[in-house]
Amino acid sequence: MVVAKAQALLRAGQVQFPEVSERVARIAPFAGTEEEAWAIHQAYALMPRANFSRAILESCPAALAVSELPPLTWSDLRTPRRVFDLLTRVQIRPPWLQASDLPA
């Protein structure tokens, strides 16, 4: 889990991987024009690929901190089935959930 101010992440990205910032900056002249969608597509299509953790976070360890958290339950809630599974696992029954809502 990453908790940060957006400005701090942007600054780290600009320092550690300036090619991405430069590519995104090229969109600005097209903002609000008919070519804006094209400029966004071009910026992302031509942008170098990078792993955020490796390219940005691992490059600036002095700016990072670790905090111990109490026991947590993590779940990727990508589908309704996963939401129902999590609710069952942690024994939570919200008022909006009826027995008939549970998928088979």
PDB file of N, CA and C in Angstrom:
ATOM      1  N   MET A   1       0.842  -1.150   0.000  1.00  0.00           N
ATOM      2  CA  MET A   1       0.000   0.000   0.000  1.00  0.00           C
ATOM      3  C   MET A   1       0.901   1.231   0.000  1.00  0.00           C
ATOM      4  N   VAL A   2       0.572   2.178  -0.827  1.00  0.00           N
ATOM      5  CA  VAL A   2       1.333   3.421  -0.889  1.00  0.00           C
ATOM      6  C   VAL A   2       0.414   4.559  -0.471  1.00  0.00           C
ATOM      7  N   VAL A   3       0.885   5.370   0.448  1.00  0.00           N
ATOM      8  CA  VAL A   3       0.163   6.559   0.868  1.00  0.00           C
ATOM      9  C   VAL A   3       1.104   7.729   0.637  1.00  0.00           C
ATOM     10  N   ALA A   4       0.658   8.676  -0.167  1.00  0.00           N
ATOM     11  CA  ALA A   4       1.525   9.814  -0.478  1.00  0.00           C
ATOM     12  C   ALA A   4       0.693  10.963  -1.023  1.00  0.00           C
ATOM     13  N   LYS A   5       1.248  12.127  -0.952  1.00  0.00           N
ATOM     14  CA  LYS A   5       0.630  13.267  -1.615  1.00  0.00           C
ATOM     15  C   LYS A   5       0.935  13.129  -3.109  1.00  0.00           C
ATOM     16  N   ALA A   6      -0.045  13.429  -3.923  1.00  0.00           N
ATOM     17  CA  ALA A   6       0.122  13.310  -5.374  1.00  0.00           C
ATOM     18  C   ALA A   6       1.328  14.118  -5.850  1.00  0.00           C
ATOM     19  N   GLN A   7       1.519  15.306  -5.289  1.00  0.00           N
ATOM     20  CA  GLN A   7       2.641  16.156  -5.691  1.00  0.00           C
ATOM     21  C   GLN A   7       3.977  15.473  -5.417  1.00  0.00           C
ATOM     22  N   ALA A   8       4.076  14.755  -4.309  1.00  0.00           N
ATOM     23  CA  ALA A   8       5.323  14.060  -3.980  1.00  0.00           C
ATOM     24  C   ALA A   8       5.599  12.946  -4.985  1.00  0.00           C
ATOM     25  N   LEU A   9       4.564  12.216  -5.384  1.00  0.00           N
ATOM     26  CA  LEU A   9       4.749  11.157  -6.375  1.00  0.00           C
ATOM     27  C   LEU A   9       5.114  11.733  -7.738  1.00  0.00           C
ATOM     28  N   LEU A  10       4.464  12.828  -8.108  1.00  0.00           N
ATOM     29  CA  LEU A  10       4.797  13.478  -9.381  1.00  0.00           C
ATOM     30  C   LEU A  10       6.246  13.954  -9.390  1.00  0.00           C
ATOM     31  N   ARG A  11       6.667  14.559  -8.297  1.00  0.00           N
ATOM     32  CA  ARG A  11       8.049  15.059  -8.196  1.00  0.00           C
ATOM     33  C   ARG A  11       9.040  13.903  -8.294  1.00  0.00           C
ATOM     34  N   ALA A  12       8.767  12.809  -7.596  1.00  0.00           N
ATOM     35  CA  ALA A  12       9.654  11.638  -7.666  1.00  0.00           C
ATOM     36  C   ALA A  12       9.706  11.098  -9.081  1.00  0.00           C
ATOM     37  N   GLY A  13       8.560  11.049  -9.745  1.00  0.00           N
ATOM     38  CA  GLY A  13       8.530  10.581 -11.127  1.00  0.00           C
ATOM     39  C   GLY A  13       9.316  11.479 -12.058  1.00  0.00           C
ATOM     40  N   GLN A  14       9.194  12.772 -11.869  1.00  0.00           N
ATOM     41  CA  GLN A  14       9.926  13.721 -12.715  1.00  0.00           C
ATOM     42  C   GLN A  14      11.434  13.570 -12.541  1.00  0.00           C
ATOM     43  N   VAL A  15      11.863  13.306 -11.323  1.00  0.00           N
ATOM     44  CA  VAL A  15      13.290  13.161 -11.047  1.00  0.00           C
ATOM     45  C   VAL A  15      13.817  11.808 -11.517  1.00  0.00           C
ATOM     46  N   GLN A  16      13.095  10.738 -11.177  1.00  0.00           N
ATOM     47  CA  GLN A  16      13.589   9.385 -11.440  1.00  0.00           C
ATOM     48  C   GLN A  16      13.320   8.883 -12.852  1.00  0.00           C
ATOM     49  N   PHE A  17      12.266   9.388 -13.494  1.00  0.00           N
ATOM     50  CA  PHE A  17      11.900   8.879 -14.826  1.00  0.00           C
ATOM     51  C   PHE A  17      11.365  10.038 -15.663  1.00  0.00           C
ATOM     52  N   PRO A  18      12.218  11.020 -15.970  1.00  0.00           N
ATOM     53  CA  PRO A  18      11.765  12.242 -16.636  1.00  0.00           C
ATOM     54  C   PRO A  18      11.147  12.027 -18.018  1.00  0.00           C
ATOM     55  N   GLU A  19      11.479  10.911 -18.659  1.00  0.00           N
ATOM     56  CA  GLU A  19      10.940  10.661 -19.997  1.00  0.00           C
ATOM     57  C   GLU A  19       9.408  10.611 -19.977  1.00  0.00           C
ATOM     58  N   VAL A  20       8.839  10.081 -18.912  1.00  0.00           N
ATOM     59  CA  VAL A  20       7.380   9.992 -18.801  1.00  0.00           C
ATOM     60  C   VAL A  20       6.794  11.391 -18.610  1.00  0.00           C
ATOM     61  N   SER A  21       7.378  12.175 -17.727  1.00  0.00           N
ATOM     62  CA  SER A  21       6.887  13.532 -17.491  1.00  0.00           C
ATOM     63  C   SER A  21       6.964  14.370 -18.761  1.00  0.00           C
ATOM     64  N   GLU A  22       8.049  14.233 -19.490  1.00  0.00           N
ATOM     65  CA  GLU A  22       8.207  14.989 -20.737  1.00  0.00           C
ATOM     66  C   GLU A  22       7.143  14.600 -21.750  1.00  0.00           C
ATOM     67  N   ARG A  23       6.849  13.317 -21.829  1.00  0.00           N
ATOM     68  CA  ARG A  23       5.855  12.836 -22.783  1.00  0.00           C
ATOM     69  C   ARG A  23       4.469  13.374 -22.415  1.00  0.00           C
ATOM     70  N   VAL A  24       4.117  13.355 -21.137  1.00  0.00           N
ATOM     71  CA  VAL A  24       2.811  13.853 -20.698  1.00  0.00           C
ATOM     72  C   VAL A  24       2.722  15.371 -20.894  1.00  0.00           C
ATOM     73  N   ALA A  25       3.812  16.080 -20.679  1.00  0.00           N
ATOM     74  CA  ALA A  25       3.817  17.539 -20.854  1.00  0.00           C
ATOM     75  C   ALA A  25       3.484  17.938 -22.289  1.00  0.00           C
ATOM     76  N   ARG A  26       3.750  17.071 -23.227  1.00  0.00           N
ATOM     77  CA  ARG A  26       3.462  17.380 -24.639  1.00  0.00           C
ATOM     78  C   ARG A  26       1.965  17.405 -24.943  1.00  0.00           C
ATOM     79  N   ILE A  27       1.136  16.965 -24.011  1.00  0.00           N
ATOM     80  CA  ILE A  27      -0.316  16.980 -24.206  1.00  0.00           C
ATOM     81  C   ILE A  27      -0.867  18.394 -24.024  1.00  0.00           C
ATOM     82  N   ALA A  28      -0.271  19.173 -23.134  1.00  0.00           N
ATOM     83  CA  ALA A  28      -0.802  20.483 -22.724  1.00  0.00           C
ATOM     84  C   ALA A  28      -1.205  21.397 -23.885  1.00  0.00           C
ATOM     85  N   PRO A  29      -0.398  21.548 -24.934  1.00  0.00           N
ATOM     86  CA  PRO A  29      -0.801  22.462 -26.009  1.00  0.00           C
ATOM     87  C   PRO A  29      -2.093  22.038 -26.719  1.00  0.00           C
ATOM     88  N   PHE A  30      -2.475  20.775 -26.565  1.00  0.00           N
ATOM     89  CA  PHE A  30      -3.663  20.268 -27.247  1.00  0.00           C
ATOM     90  C   PHE A  30      -4.897  20.230 -26.348  1.00  0.00           C
ATOM     91  N   ALA A  31      -4.725  20.582 -25.064  1.00  0.00           N
ATOM     92  CA  ALA A  31      -5.839  20.544 -24.111  1.00  0.00           C
ATOM     93  C   ALA A  31      -6.988  21.415 -24.586  1.00  0.00           C
ATOM     94  N   GLY A  32      -8.182  20.849 -24.604  1.00  0.00           N
ATOM     95  CA  GLY A  32      -9.364  21.595 -25.009  1.00  0.00           C
ATOM     96  C   GLY A  32      -9.563  21.719 -26.508  1.00  0.00           C
ATOM     97  N   THR A  33      -8.687  21.092 -27.286  1.00  0.00           N
ATOM     98  CA  THR A  33      -8.839  21.158 -28.738  1.00  0.00           C
ATOM     99  C   THR A  33      -9.358  19.822 -29.266  1.00  0.00           C
ATOM    100  N   GLU A  34      -9.671  19.795 -30.542  1.00  0.00           N
ATOM    101  CA  GLU A  34     -10.124  18.554 -31.166  1.00  0.00           C
ATOM    102  C   GLU A  34      -9.012  17.506 -31.200  1.00  0.00           C
ATOM    103  N   GLU A  35      -7.775  17.938 -31.091  1.00  0.00           N
ATOM    104  CA  GLU A  35      -6.639  17.019 -31.140  1.00  0.00           C
ATOM    105  C   GLU A  35      -6.229  16.480 -29.773  1.00  0.00           C
ATOM    106  N   GLU A  36      -6.955  16.862 -28.711  1.00  0.00           N
ATOM    107  CA  GLU A  36      -6.572  16.439 -27.365  1.00  0.00           C
ATOM    108  C   GLU A  36      -6.536  14.914 -27.241  1.00  0.00           C
ATOM    109  N   ALA A  37      -7.573  14.226 -27.693  1.00  0.00           N
ATOM    110  CA  ALA A  37      -7.610  12.758 -27.586  1.00  0.00           C
ATOM    111  C   ALA A  37      -6.437  12.143 -28.343  1.00  0.00           C
ATOM    112  N   TRP A  38      -6.135  12.668 -29.517  1.00  0.00           N
ATOM    113  CA  TRP A  38      -4.999  12.164 -30.296  1.00  0.00           C
ATOM    114  C   TRP A  38      -3.694  12.378 -29.524  1.00  0.00           C
ATOM    115  N   ALA A  39      -3.527  13.568 -28.924  1.00  0.00           N
ATOM    116  CA  ALA A  39      -2.300  13.881 -28.191  1.00  0.00           C
ATOM    117  C   ALA A  39      -2.135  12.947 -26.986  1.00  0.00           C
ATOM    118  N   ILE A  40      -3.221  12.675 -26.301  1.00  0.00           N
ATOM    119  CA  ILE A  40      -3.155  11.755 -25.158  1.00  0.00           C
ATOM    120  C   ILE A  40      -2.769  10.364 -25.636  1.00  0.00           C
ATOM    121  N   HIS A  41      -3.406   9.912 -26.697  1.00  0.00           N
ATOM    122  CA  HIS A  41      -3.078   8.589 -27.242  1.00  0.00           C
ATOM    123  C   HIS A  41      -1.607   8.525 -27.645  1.00  0.00           C
ATOM    124  N   GLN A  42      -1.120   9.533 -28.323  1.00  0.00           N
ATOM    125  CA  GLN A  42       0.281   9.567 -28.760  1.00  0.00           C
ATOM    126  C   GLN A  42       1.232   9.565 -27.573  1.00  0.00           C
ATOM    127  N   ALA A  43       0.911  10.364 -26.570  1.00  0.00           N
ATOM    128  CA  ALA A  43       1.785  10.450 -25.395  1.00  0.00           C
ATOM    129  C   ALA A  43       1.941   9.082 -24.751  1.00  0.00           C
ATOM    130  N   TYR A  44       0.835   8.384 -24.563  1.00  0.00           N
ATOM    131  CA  TYR A  44       0.899   7.081 -23.902  1.00  0.00           C
ATOM    132  C   TYR A  44       1.445   5.999 -24.817  1.00  0.00           C
ATOM    133  N   ALA A  45       1.169   6.074 -26.099  1.00  0.00           N
ATOM    134  CA  ALA A  45       1.677   5.071 -27.039  1.00  0.00           C
ATOM    135  C   ALA A  45       3.200   5.149 -27.165  1.00  0.00           C
ATOM    136  N   LEU A  46       3.745   6.351 -27.086  1.00  0.00           N
ATOM    137  CA  LEU A  46       5.182   6.536 -27.276  1.00  0.00           C
ATOM    138  C   LEU A  46       5.959   6.613 -25.958  1.00  0.00           C
ATOM    139  N   MET A  47       5.245   6.552 -24.850  1.00  0.00           N
ATOM    140  CA  MET A  47       5.877   6.657 -23.538  1.00  0.00           C
ATOM    141  C   MET A  47       6.652   5.378 -23.227  1.00  0.00           C
ATOM    142  N   PRO A  48       7.860   5.503 -22.679  1.00  0.00           N
ATOM    143  CA  PRO A  48       8.584   4.290 -22.276  1.00  0.00           C
ATOM    144  C   PRO A  48       7.834   3.597 -21.146  1.00  0.00           C
ATOM    145  N   ARG A  49       7.862   2.297 -21.161  1.00  0.00           N
ATOM    146  CA  ARG A  49       7.177   1.509 -20.125  1.00  0.00           C
ATOM    147  C   ARG A  49       8.081   1.383 -18.906  1.00  0.00           C
ATOM    148  N   ALA A  50       7.457   1.387 -17.732  1.00  0.00           N
ATOM    149  CA  ALA A  50       8.230   1.264 -16.501  1.00  0.00           C
ATOM    150  C   ALA A  50       7.368   0.651 -15.416  1.00  0.00           C
ATOM    151  N   ASN A  51       8.027  -0.013 -14.505  1.00  0.00           N
ATOM    152  CA  ASN A  51       7.376  -0.537 -13.311  1.00  0.00           C
ATOM    153  C   ASN A  51       7.492   0.549 -12.252  1.00  0.00           C
ATOM    154  N   PHE A  52       6.364   1.050 -11.755  1.00  0.00           N
ATOM    155  CA  PHE A  52       6.363   2.164 -10.808  1.00  0.00           C
ATOM    156  C   PHE A  52       7.232   1.883  -9.587  1.00  0.00           C
ATOM    157  N   SER A  53       7.094   0.697  -9.020  1.00  0.00           N
ATOM    158  CA  SER A  53       7.870   0.374  -7.815  1.00  0.00           C
ATOM    159  C   SER A  53       9.361   0.383  -8.093  1.00  0.00           C
ATOM    160  N   ARG A  54       9.754  -0.227  -9.200  1.00  0.00           N
ATOM    161  CA  ARG A  54      11.193  -0.309  -9.503  1.00  0.00           C
ATOM    162  C   ARG A  54      11.761   1.007 -10.019  1.00  0.00           C
ATOM    163  N   ALA A  55      11.066   1.627 -10.953  1.00  0.00           N
ATOM    164  CA  ALA A  55      11.605   2.832 -11.599  1.00  0.00           C
ATOM    165  C   ALA A  55      11.539   4.062 -10.704  1.00  0.00           C
ATOM    166  N   ILE A  56      10.519   4.144  -9.872  1.00  0.00           N
ATOM    167  CA  ILE A  56      10.346   5.346  -9.059  1.00  0.00           C
ATOM    168  C   ILE A  56      10.678   5.088  -7.590  1.00  0.00           C
ATOM    169  N   LEU A  57       9.934   4.205  -6.949  1.00  0.00           N
ATOM    170  CA  LEU A  57      10.082   4.030  -5.503  1.00  0.00           C
ATOM    171  C   LEU A  57      11.444   3.484  -5.094  1.00  0.00           C
ATOM    172  N   GLU A  58      11.941   2.457  -5.793  1.00  0.00           N
ATOM    173  CA  GLU A  58      13.245   1.894  -5.418  1.00  0.00           C
ATOM    174  C   GLU A  58      14.382   2.874  -5.645  1.00  0.00           C
ATOM    175  N   SER A  59      14.147   3.874  -6.479  1.00  0.00           N
ATOM    176  CA  SER A  59      15.197   4.844  -6.792  1.00  0.00           C
ATOM    177  C   SER A  59      15.316   5.958  -5.766  1.00  0.00           C
ATOM    178  N   CYS A  60      14.354   6.055  -4.868  1.00  0.00           N
ATOM    179  CA  CYS A  60      14.424   7.130  -3.869  1.00  0.00           C
ATOM    180  C   CYS A  60      14.069   6.608  -2.476  1.00  0.00           C
ATOM    181  N   PRO A  61      14.851   5.660  -1.956  1.00  0.00           N
ATOM    182  CA  PRO A  61      14.517   5.076  -0.649  1.00  0.00           C
ATOM    183  C   PRO A  61      14.539   6.081   0.496  1.00  0.00           C
ATOM    184  N   ALA A  62      15.312   7.149   0.394  1.00  0.00           N
ATOM    185  CA  ALA A  62      15.371   8.131   1.481  1.00  0.00           C
ATOM    186  C   ALA A  62      14.030   8.854   1.657  1.00  0.00           C
ATOM    187  N   ALA A  63      13.208   8.856   0.623  1.00  0.00           N
ATOM    188  CA  ALA A  63      11.915   9.536   0.699  1.00  0.00           C
ATOM    189  C   ALA A  63      10.797   8.611   1.164  1.00  0.00           C
ATOM    190  N   LEU A  64      11.127   7.364   1.452  1.00  0.00           N
ATOM    191  CA  LEU A  64      10.114   6.382   1.825  1.00  0.00           C
ATOM    192  C   LEU A  64      10.153   6.074   3.310  1.00  0.00           C
ATOM    193  N   ALA A  65       9.036   5.639   3.823  1.00  0.00           N
ATOM    194  CA  ALA A  65       8.943   5.207   5.211  1.00  0.00           C
ATOM    195  C   ALA A  65       8.047   3.977   5.264  1.00  0.00           C
ATOM    196  N   VAL A  66       8.205   3.206   6.306  1.00  0.00           N
ATOM    197  CA  VAL A  66       7.395   2.012   6.498  1.00  0.00           C
ATOM    198  C   VAL A  66       6.643   2.166   7.807  1.00  0.00           C
ATOM    199  N   SER A  67       5.398   1.789   7.790  1.00  0.00           N
ATOM    200  CA  SER A  67       4.584   1.864   8.999  1.00  0.00           C
ATOM    201  C   SER A  67       3.930   0.516   9.226  1.00  0.00           C
ATOM    202  N   GLU A  68       4.038   0.026  10.442  1.00  0.00           N
ATOM    203  CA  GLU A  68       3.386  -1.234  10.775  1.00  0.00           C
ATOM    204  C   GLU A  68       1.897  -0.977  10.951  1.00  0.00           C
ATOM    205  N   LEU A  69       1.098  -1.835  10.354  1.00  0.00           N
ATOM    206  CA  LEU A  69      -0.348  -1.705  10.433  1.00  0.00           C
ATOM    207  C   LEU A  69      -0.930  -2.833  11.267  1.00  0.00           C
ATOM    208  N   PRO A  70      -2.093  -2.618  11.806  1.00  0.00           N
ATOM    209  CA  PRO A  70      -2.750  -3.724  12.510  1.00  0.00           C
ATOM    210  C   PRO A  70      -3.129  -4.793  11.489  1.00  0.00           C
ATOM    211  N   PRO A  71      -3.471  -5.989  11.946  1.00  0.00           N
ATOM    212  CA  PRO A  71      -3.858  -7.041  11.003  1.00  0.00           C
ATOM    213  C   PRO A  71      -4.969  -6.563  10.067  1.00  0.00           C
ATOM    214  N   LEU A  72      -4.774  -6.779   8.801  1.00  0.00           N
ATOM    215  CA  LEU A  72      -5.726  -6.330   7.787  1.00  0.00           C
ATOM    216  C   LEU A  72      -6.172  -7.505   6.934  1.00  0.00           C
ATOM    217  N   THR A  73      -7.283  -7.324   6.262  1.00  0.00           N
ATOM    218  CA  THR A  73      -7.728  -8.286   5.256  1.00  0.00           C
ATOM    219  C   THR A  73      -7.631  -7.593   3.917  1.00  0.00           C
ATOM    220  N   TRP A  74      -6.870  -8.181   3.018  1.00  0.00           N
ATOM    221  CA  TRP A  74      -6.720  -7.608   1.685  1.00  0.00           C
ATOM    222  C   TRP A  74      -7.485  -8.465   0.705  1.00  0.00           C
ATOM    223  N   SER A  75      -8.175  -7.811  -0.202  1.00  0.00           N
ATOM    224  CA  SER A  75      -8.880  -8.538  -1.239  1.00  0.00           C
ATOM    225  C   SER A  75      -8.967  -7.665  -2.473  1.00  0.00           C
ATOM    226  N   ASP A  76      -8.735  -8.254  -3.613  1.00  0.00           N
ATOM    227  CA  ASP A  76      -8.897  -7.568  -4.885  1.00  0.00           C
ATOM    228  C   ASP A  76     -10.372  -7.706  -5.252  1.00  0.00           C
ATOM    229  N   LEU A  77     -11.143  -6.653  -5.084  1.00  0.00           N
ATOM    230  CA  LEU A  77     -12.592  -6.712  -5.279  1.00  0.00           C
ATOM    231  C   LEU A  77     -12.984  -6.421  -6.725  1.00  0.00           C
ATOM    232  N   ARG A  78     -12.403  -7.152  -7.628  1.00  0.00           N
ATOM    233  CA  ARG A  78     -12.588  -6.920  -9.056  1.00  0.00           C
ATOM    234  C   ARG A  78     -13.955  -7.369  -9.564  1.00  0.00           C
ATOM    235  N   THR A  79     -14.588  -8.309  -8.897  1.00  0.00           N
ATOM    236  CA  THR A  79     -15.857  -8.854  -9.384  1.00  0.00           C
ATOM    237  C   THR A  79     -16.873  -8.908  -8.241  1.00  0.00           C
ATOM    238  N   PRO A  80     -18.158  -8.920  -8.566  1.00  0.00           N
ATOM    239  CA  PRO A  80     -19.173  -9.061  -7.524  1.00  0.00           C
ATOM    240  C   PRO A  80     -18.975 -10.333  -6.696  1.00  0.00           C
ATOM    241  N   ARG A  81     -18.573 -11.411  -7.340  1.00  0.00           N
ATOM    242  CA  ARG A  81     -18.358 -12.675  -6.610  1.00  0.00           C
ATOM    243  C   ARG A  81     -17.323 -12.483  -5.504  1.00  0.00           C
ATOM    244  N   ARG A  82     -16.257 -11.742  -5.800  1.00  0.00           N
ATOM    245  CA  ARG A  82     -15.219 -11.507  -4.803  1.00  0.00           C
ATOM    246  C   ARG A  82     -15.723 -10.645  -3.652  1.00  0.00           C
ATOM    247  N   VAL A  83     -16.615  -9.706  -3.951  1.00  0.00           N
ATOM    248  CA  VAL A  83     -17.206  -8.884  -2.895  1.00  0.00           C
ATOM    249  C   VAL A  83     -18.010  -9.775  -1.954  1.00  0.00           C
ATOM    250  N   PHE A  84     -18.853 -10.633  -2.521  1.00  0.00           N
ATOM    251  CA  PHE A  84     -19.660 -11.538  -1.695  1.00  0.00           C
ATOM    252  C   PHE A  84     -18.779 -12.495  -0.900  1.00  0.00           C
ATOM    253  N   ASP A  85     -17.727 -13.019  -1.529  1.00  0.00           N
ATOM    254  CA  ASP A  85     -16.817 -13.931  -0.830  1.00  0.00           C
ATOM    255  C   ASP A  85     -16.153 -13.238   0.362  1.00  0.00           C
ATOM    256  N   LEU A  86     -15.721 -12.000   0.165  1.00  0.00           N
ATOM    257  CA  LEU A  86     -15.084 -11.257   1.254  1.00  0.00           C
ATOM    258  C   LEU A  86     -16.071 -11.005   2.392  1.00  0.00           C
ATOM    259  N   LEU A  87     -17.281 -10.582   2.055  1.00  0.00           N
ATOM    260  CA  LEU A  87     -18.282 -10.331   3.086  1.00  0.00           C
ATOM    261  C   LEU A  87     -18.552 -11.594   3.902  1.00  0.00           C
ATOM    262  N   THR A  88     -18.604 -12.725   3.236  1.00  0.00           N
ATOM    263  CA  THR A  88     -18.813 -13.992   3.935  1.00  0.00           C
ATOM    264  C   THR A  88     -17.621 -14.313   4.827  1.00  0.00           C
ATOM    265  N   ARG A  89     -16.398 -14.137   4.290  1.00  0.00           N
ATOM    266  CA  ARG A  89     -15.181 -14.480   5.035  1.00  0.00           C
ATOM    267  C   ARG A  89     -15.017 -13.642   6.300  1.00  0.00           C
ATOM    268  N   VAL A  90     -15.342 -12.361   6.229  1.00  0.00           N
ATOM    269  CA  VAL A  90     -15.167 -11.495   7.394  1.00  0.00           C
ATOM    270  C   VAL A  90     -16.455 -11.364   8.213  1.00  0.00           C
ATOM    271  N   GLN A  91     -17.442 -12.138   7.841  1.00  0.00           N
ATOM    272  CA  GLN A  91     -18.721 -12.216   8.558  1.00  0.00           C
ATOM    273  C   GLN A  91     -19.396 -10.859   8.708  1.00  0.00           C
ATOM    274  N   ILE A  92     -19.501 -10.155   7.595  1.00  0.00           N
ATOM    275  CA  ILE A  92     -20.208  -8.884   7.558  1.00  0.00           C
ATOM    276  C   ILE A  92     -21.457  -9.074   6.701  1.00  0.00           C
ATOM    277  N   ARG A  93     -22.583  -8.626   7.215  1.00  0.00           N
ATOM    278  CA  ARG A  93     -23.855  -8.759   6.508  1.00  0.00           C
ATOM    279  C   ARG A  93     -24.489  -7.373   6.401  1.00  0.00           C
ATOM    280  N   PRO A  94     -24.136  -6.582   5.361  1.00  0.00           N
ATOM    281  CA  PRO A  94     -24.706  -5.244   5.230  1.00  0.00           C
ATOM    282  C   PRO A  94     -26.223  -5.311   5.000  1.00  0.00           C
ATOM    283  N   PRO A  95     -26.926  -4.274   5.393  1.00  0.00           N
ATOM    284  CA  PRO A  95     -28.394  -4.275   5.255  1.00  0.00           C
ATOM    285  C   PRO A  95     -28.865  -4.452   3.806  1.00  0.00           C
ATOM    286  N   TRP A  96     -28.078  -4.016   2.840  1.00  0.00           N
ATOM    287  CA  TRP A  96     -28.493  -4.119   1.448  1.00  0.00           C
ATOM    288  C   TRP A  96     -28.350  -5.519   0.883  1.00  0.00           C
ATOM    289  N   LEU A  97     -27.699  -6.395   1.618  1.00  0.00           N
ATOM    290  CA  LEU A  97     -27.465  -7.748   1.132  1.00  0.00           C
ATOM    291  C   LEU A  97     -28.529  -8.700   1.661  1.00  0.00           C
ATOM    292  N   GLN A  98     -29.302  -9.260   0.769  1.00  0.00           N
ATOM    293  CA  GLN A  98     -30.310 -10.256   1.119  1.00  0.00           C
ATOM    294  C   GLN A  98     -29.784 -11.624   0.725  1.00  0.00           C
ATOM    295  N   ALA A  99     -30.290 -12.671   1.326  1.00  0.00           N
ATOM    296  CA  ALA A  99     -29.866 -14.027   0.984  1.00  0.00           C
ATOM    297  C   ALA A  99     -30.073 -14.290  -0.495  1.00  0.00           C
ATOM    298  N   SER A 100     -31.101 -13.722  -1.075  1.00  0.00           N
ATOM    299  CA  SER A 100     -31.379 -13.961  -2.497  1.00  0.00           C
ATOM    300  C   SER A 100     -30.373 -13.254  -3.408  1.00  0.00           C
ATOM    301  N   ASP A 101     -29.578 -12.289  -2.867  1.00  0.00           N
ATOM    302  CA  ASP A 101     -28.581 -11.570  -3.658  1.00  0.00           C
ATOM    303  C   ASP A 101     -27.318 -12.401  -3.898  1.00  0.00           C
ATOM    304  N   LEU A 102     -27.072 -13.391  -3.051  1.00  0.00           N
ATOM    305  CA  LEU A 102     -25.848 -14.171  -3.173  1.00  0.00           C
ATOM    306  C   LEU A 102     -25.844 -14.983  -4.452  1.00  0.00           C
ATOM    307  N   PRO A 103     -24.782 -14.850  -5.260  1.00  0.00           N
ATOM    308  CA  PRO A 103     -24.701 -15.657  -6.481  1.00  0.00           C
ATOM    309  C   PRO A 103     -24.471 -17.119  -6.125  1.00  0.00           C
ATOM    310  N   ALA A 104     -24.929 -17.972  -7.010  1.00  0.00           N
ATOM    311  CA  ALA A 104     -24.775 -19.422  -6.766  1.00  0.00           C
ATOM    312  C   ALA A 104     -23.354 -19.865  -6.949  1.00  0.00           C
TER     313      ALA A 104
END
